[in-house]
């Protein structure tokens, strides 16, 4: 059986990770290491100035006072680590599509798995306020089973977003690209009870590029979106342009 490391950014007690564990333990050996609190928006941050402490919970999950990236690093590169074949992160409570992936702790956990040389999957629900984690968990279990039978040899992360519907209502799976959002709304200014200024992030931006072929479009149409994400962020198509531009600068 494959050995899986499962993590998330919603925290070790989140219903999404429980549903994912329940589905995957039927087909693989699963170890869960997740943050002890909600770390949404943590991106690829590391805990560098405080010690990391691990607690094993009664259900066998490991709780860590760190970020999603810390969890995967601990699970693959520490005395606590075990041989791992695949890293799975999720199920996130809400979508990680388009620009969301830049901030997502869910995607970051999968990225860390890929940095450690392991195939990795990030999975999220296509909307918030749902009761269909089991749908996403079943989709991931099917993909993991396929990877066990026929490994996917790609130096990428699979970013999966699943419509919030019963499994039987899914229309299928589409390979997609990341869409784009408009920039977020202005930060909200307020004051605490002592009259001091405080700020909250405003609502995320609406969909700017949700054309056919994007993750936004696929999920809206009722399809599971699977987007391959590369760790190499080099804009290769612009290297020659940049080289020509820099060559015109005075030595």
Protein backbone atom coordinates (compact mmCIF):
# COMPACT_ATOMS: atom_id res chain seq x y z
CA UNK A 1 0.00 0.00 0.00
CA UNK A 2 1.09 3.56 -0.66
CA UNK A 3 2.19 5.63 2.32
CA UNK A 4 0.55 9.05 2.36
CA UNK A 5 1.25 12.18 4.38
CA UNK A 6 -1.87 14.29 4.79
CA UNK A 7 -1.92 17.90 5.97
CA UNK A 8 -3.99 21.06 5.53
CA UNK A 9 -4.24 24.72 6.49
CA UNK A 10 -7.68 24.69 8.16
CA UNK A 11 -6.28 22.89 11.20
CA UNK A 12 -6.06 19.37 12.56
CA UNK A 13 -9.70 19.40 13.76
CA UNK A 14 -11.20 20.58 10.45
CA UNK A 15 -13.93 18.38 8.91
CA UNK A 16 -12.20 18.41 5.53
CA UNK A 17 -9.10 16.61 6.76
CA UNK A 18 -11.23 14.08 8.62
CA UNK A 19 -13.18 13.27 5.45
CA UNK A 20 -9.96 13.01 3.44
CA UNK A 21 -8.40 10.67 5.99
CA UNK A 22 -11.52 8.48 6.08
CA UNK A 23 -11.44 8.00 2.31
CA UNK A 24 -7.70 7.53 1.89
CA UNK A 25 -7.19 5.07 4.75
CA UNK A 26 -9.26 2.58 2.74
CA UNK A 27 -6.62 2.46 0.02
CA UNK A 28 -3.34 3.51 1.69
CA UNK A 29 -1.41 3.93 4.93
CA UNK A 30 -2.11 7.48 6.05
CA UNK A 31 -0.33 9.72 8.54
CA UNK A 32 -1.92 13.08 9.36
CA UNK A 33 0.21 16.01 10.54
CA UNK A 34 -1.64 19.32 10.56
CA UNK A 35 -1.55 22.73 12.27
CA UNK A 36 -3.12 23.04 15.71
CA UNK A 37 -5.14 26.04 14.48
CA UNK A 38 -6.50 27.59 11.30
CA UNK A 39 -3.59 28.78 9.14
CA UNK A 40 -5.51 29.92 6.08
CA UNK A 41 -3.45 32.40 4.06
CA UNK A 42 -0.17 31.19 5.55
CA UNK A 43 1.26 30.49 2.10
CA UNK A 44 4.79 28.99 2.27
CA UNK A 45 5.72 30.54 5.63
CA UNK A 46 8.02 28.70 8.03
CA UNK A 47 8.30 28.88 11.82
CA UNK A 48 11.90 29.99 12.39
CA UNK A 49 11.89 31.82 15.73
CA UNK A 50 9.95 29.39 17.95
CA UNK A 51 10.39 25.67 18.64
CA UNK A 52 7.93 23.31 17.02
CA UNK A 53 5.98 21.02 19.33
CA UNK A 54 4.04 17.94 18.29
CA UNK A 55 1.09 16.37 20.07
CA UNK A 56 -0.50 13.08 19.12
CA UNK A 57 -4.27 13.25 19.42
CA UNK A 58 -6.58 10.40 20.48
CA UNK A 59 -7.61 9.81 16.86
CA UNK A 60 -3.97 9.27 15.85
CA UNK A 61 -3.55 12.61 14.09
CA UNK A 62 -0.49 14.72 14.91
CA UNK A 63 -1.07 18.36 15.87
CA UNK A 64 1.75 20.87 15.33
CA UNK A 65 2.09 24.46 16.54
CA UNK A 66 3.35 25.50 13.13
CA UNK A 67 2.35 26.24 9.56
CA UNK A 68 1.23 23.83 6.82
CA UNK A 69 4.75 23.95 5.37
CA UNK A 70 6.22 23.09 8.78
CA UNK A 71 3.88 20.10 8.99
CA UNK A 72 4.97 18.61 5.68
CA UNK A 73 8.64 19.30 6.36
CA UNK A 74 8.35 17.58 9.72
CA UNK A 75 6.56 14.64 8.15
CA UNK A 76 9.21 14.12 5.48
CA UNK A 77 12.49 15.37 6.93
CA UNK A 78 12.70 14.80 10.70
CA UNK A 79 13.01 11.97 13.23
CA UNK A 80 9.21 11.80 13.09
CA UNK A 81 9.27 11.21 9.34
CA UNK A 82 8.32 7.95 7.71
CA UNK A 83 8.80 6.78 4.15
CA UNK A 84 6.23 8.73 2.15
CA UNK A 85 5.06 8.07 -1.40
CA UNK A 86 2.67 10.99 -1.79
CA UNK A 87 1.64 14.19 0.00
CA UNK A 88 -2.03 15.21 0.00
CA UNK A 89 -3.17 18.56 1.39
CA UNK A 90 -6.79 19.45 2.17
CA UNK A 91 -9.68 19.32 1.95
CA UNK A 92 -9.78 23.11 2.10
CA UNK A 93 -12.98 24.81 3.21
CA UNK A 94 -13.42 26.90 0.09
CA UNK A 95 -11.74 27.26 -3.31
CA UNK A 96 -8.08 27.67 -4.17
CA UNK A 97 -8.35 28.82 -7.76
CA UNK A 98 -6.63 31.51 -9.79
CA UNK A 99 -4.53 33.89 -7.70
CA UNK A 100 -5.64 32.11 -4.51
CA UNK A 101 -2.75 29.68 -4.91
CA UNK A 102 -0.25 32.45 -4.08
CA UNK A 103 -1.62 32.76 -0.55
CA UNK A 104 -3.02 29.32 0.11
CA UNK A 105 -1.57 27.25 2.93
CA UNK A 106 -3.28 24.24 1.37
CA UNK A 107 -1.33 24.63 -1.86
CA UNK A 108 1.84 25.53 0.08
CA UNK A 109 1.74 22.21 1.95
CA UNK A 110 1.63 20.41 -1.39
CA UNK A 111 4.46 22.60 -2.67
CA UNK A 112 6.61 21.57 0.28
CA UNK A 113 5.96 17.95 -0.56
CA UNK A 114 7.11 18.61 -4.10
CA UNK A 115 10.20 20.45 -2.81
CA UNK A 116 10.99 17.28 -0.85
CA UNK A 117 10.87 15.32 -4.09
CA UNK A 118 7.44 13.76 -3.62
CA UNK A 119 4.37 13.84 -5.86
CA UNK A 120 1.81 16.11 -4.23
CA UNK A 121 -1.88 16.99 -4.42
CA UNK A 122 -3.79 19.97 -3.05
CA UNK A 123 -7.57 19.63 -2.88
CA UNK A 124 -10.20 22.27 -2.13
CA UNK A 125 -13.95 22.68 -2.27
CA UNK A 126 -15.30 24.91 -5.03
CA UNK A 127 -17.30 27.07 -2.63
CA UNK A 128 -17.84 27.69 1.07
CA UNK A 129 -20.81 26.67 3.17
CA UNK A 130 -21.25 23.09 1.98
CA UNK A 131 -21.66 19.54 3.22
CA UNK A 132 -19.89 17.70 0.42
CA UNK A 133 -16.39 16.98 1.69
CA UNK A 134 -17.08 13.32 0.95
CA UNK A 135 -17.41 14.18 -2.74
CA UNK A 136 -13.92 15.70 -2.86
CA UNK A 137 -12.49 12.90 -0.73
CA UNK A 138 -13.84 10.29 -3.12
CA UNK A 139 -12.39 12.13 -6.13
CA UNK A 140 -8.96 12.30 -4.47
CA UNK A 141 -9.08 8.62 -3.51
CA UNK A 142 -9.77 7.72 -7.14
CA UNK A 143 -6.86 9.85 -8.36
CA UNK A 144 -4.51 8.43 -5.71
CA UNK A 145 -5.52 4.89 -6.71
CA UNK A 146 -4.72 5.71 -10.32
CA UNK A 147 -1.34 7.13 -9.28
CA UNK A 148 -0.58 3.91 -7.38
CA UNK A 149 -1.31 1.82 -10.47
CA UNK A 150 0.29 4.21 -12.96
CA UNK A 151 2.54 6.89 -11.39
CA UNK A 152 2.22 10.36 -12.86
CA UNK A 153 5.76 11.41 -13.74
CA UNK A 154 5.40 15.17 -13.67
CA UNK A 155 7.45 17.69 -11.72
CA UNK A 156 4.29 19.51 -10.74
CA UNK A 157 1.59 19.76 -8.09
CA UNK A 158 -1.97 18.79 -8.91
CA UNK A 159 -4.26 21.55 -7.64
CA UNK A 160 -7.77 20.07 -7.47
CA UNK A 161 -10.99 22.02 -6.90
CA UNK A 162 -14.22 20.07 -6.54
CA UNK A 163 -17.75 21.45 -7.00
CA UNK A 164 -19.80 21.42 -3.80
CA UNK A 165 -22.36 18.88 -5.01
CA UNK A 166 -23.15 15.21 -4.38
CA UNK A 167 -20.68 12.91 -6.13
CA UNK A 168 -23.33 11.65 -8.55
CA UNK A 169 -23.87 15.20 -9.84
CA UNK A 170 -20.27 15.75 -10.93
CA UNK A 171 -20.03 16.08 -14.71
CA UNK A 172 -16.47 14.83 -14.94
CA UNK A 173 -12.89 16.06 -14.66
CA UNK A 174 -11.19 18.78 -16.69
CA UNK A 175 -7.52 19.71 -16.91
CA UNK A 176 -7.41 23.48 -16.46
CA UNK A 177 -5.23 26.54 -16.11
CA UNK A 178 -5.34 29.07 -13.30
CA UNK A 179 -7.80 31.90 -13.81
CA UNK A 180 -7.35 35.41 -12.47
CA UNK A 181 -9.10 37.55 -9.89
CA UNK A 182 -9.56 41.28 -9.70
CA UNK A 183 -7.51 42.81 -6.93
CA UNK A 184 -8.98 42.53 -3.43
CA UNK A 185 -11.24 45.25 -2.10
CA UNK A 186 -9.84 48.00 0.13
CA UNK A 187 -8.82 47.01 3.64
CA UNK A 188 -11.42 47.82 6.30
CA UNK A 189 -10.47 50.36 8.96
CA UNK A 190 -11.92 50.13 12.46
CA UNK A 191 -10.98 50.86 16.07
CA UNK A 192 -10.63 48.52 19.03
CA UNK A 193 -12.34 49.21 22.40
CA UNK A 194 -9.35 51.35 23.41
CA UNK A 195 -9.68 53.59 20.36
CA UNK A 196 -6.61 52.19 18.59
CA UNK A 197 -6.61 51.77 14.81
CA UNK A 198 -7.13 48.25 13.51
CA UNK A 199 -7.45 46.92 9.96
CA UNK A 200 -9.10 43.89 8.40
CA UNK A 201 -8.66 42.52 4.92
CA UNK A 202 -11.61 43.29 2.70
CA UNK A 203 -13.40 40.71 0.52
CA UNK A 204 -11.33 38.91 -2.09
CA UNK A 205 -11.58 40.18 -5.64
CA UNK A 206 -14.11 38.88 -8.11
CA UNK A 207 -13.23 36.69 -11.06
CA UNK A 208 -11.43 38.59 -13.81
CA UNK A 209 -10.43 35.70 -16.06
CA UNK A 210 -12.91 32.84 -15.81
CA UNK A 211 -12.96 31.90 -19.48
CA UNK A 212 -13.31 28.37 -20.79
CA UNK A 213 -10.24 26.38 -19.83
CA UNK A 214 -9.81 28.03 -16.44
CA UNK A 215 -10.35 26.42 -13.05
CA UNK A 216 -13.12 28.94 -12.32
CA UNK A 217 -15.04 27.96 -15.44
CA UNK A 218 -14.72 24.21 -14.91
CA UNK A 219 -16.02 24.30 -11.34
CA UNK A 220 -18.84 26.65 -12.29
CA UNK A 221 -19.92 24.19 -14.98
CA UNK A 222 -19.93 21.30 -12.50
CA UNK A 223 -16.59 19.70 -13.38
CA UNK A 224 -13.68 18.83 -11.11
CA UNK A 225 -10.79 21.15 -11.98
CA UNK A 226 -7.27 19.70 -12.01
CA UNK A 227 -4.53 22.26 -12.62
CA UNK A 228 -0.86 21.26 -12.84
CA UNK A 229 1.24 23.87 -11.01
CA UNK A 230 4.97 24.17 -11.60
CA UNK A 231 7.42 25.04 -8.83
CA UNK A 232 9.73 26.79 -11.29
CA UNK A 233 8.38 30.33 -11.34
CA UNK A 234 10.87 31.53 -13.95
CA UNK A 235 9.09 33.49 -16.70
CA UNK A 236 11.04 31.71 -19.44
CA UNK A 237 9.17 33.46 -22.25
CA UNK A 238 10.44 36.81 -21.01
CA UNK A 239 14.10 35.96 -20.41
CA UNK A 240 15.23 37.09 -23.85
CA UNK A 241 13.25 40.35 -23.61
CA UNK A 242 14.80 41.10 -20.22
CA UNK A 243 18.28 40.28 -21.48
CA UNK A 244 17.89 42.72 -24.40
CA UNK A 245 16.55 45.41 -22.08
CA UNK A 246 19.41 45.04 -19.61
CA UNK A 247 22.00 45.03 -22.40
CA UNK A 248 21.07 48.63 -23.21
CA UNK A 249 22.05 49.83 -19.76
CA UNK A 250 25.33 51.64 -19.38
CA UNK A 251 28.11 49.31 -18.12
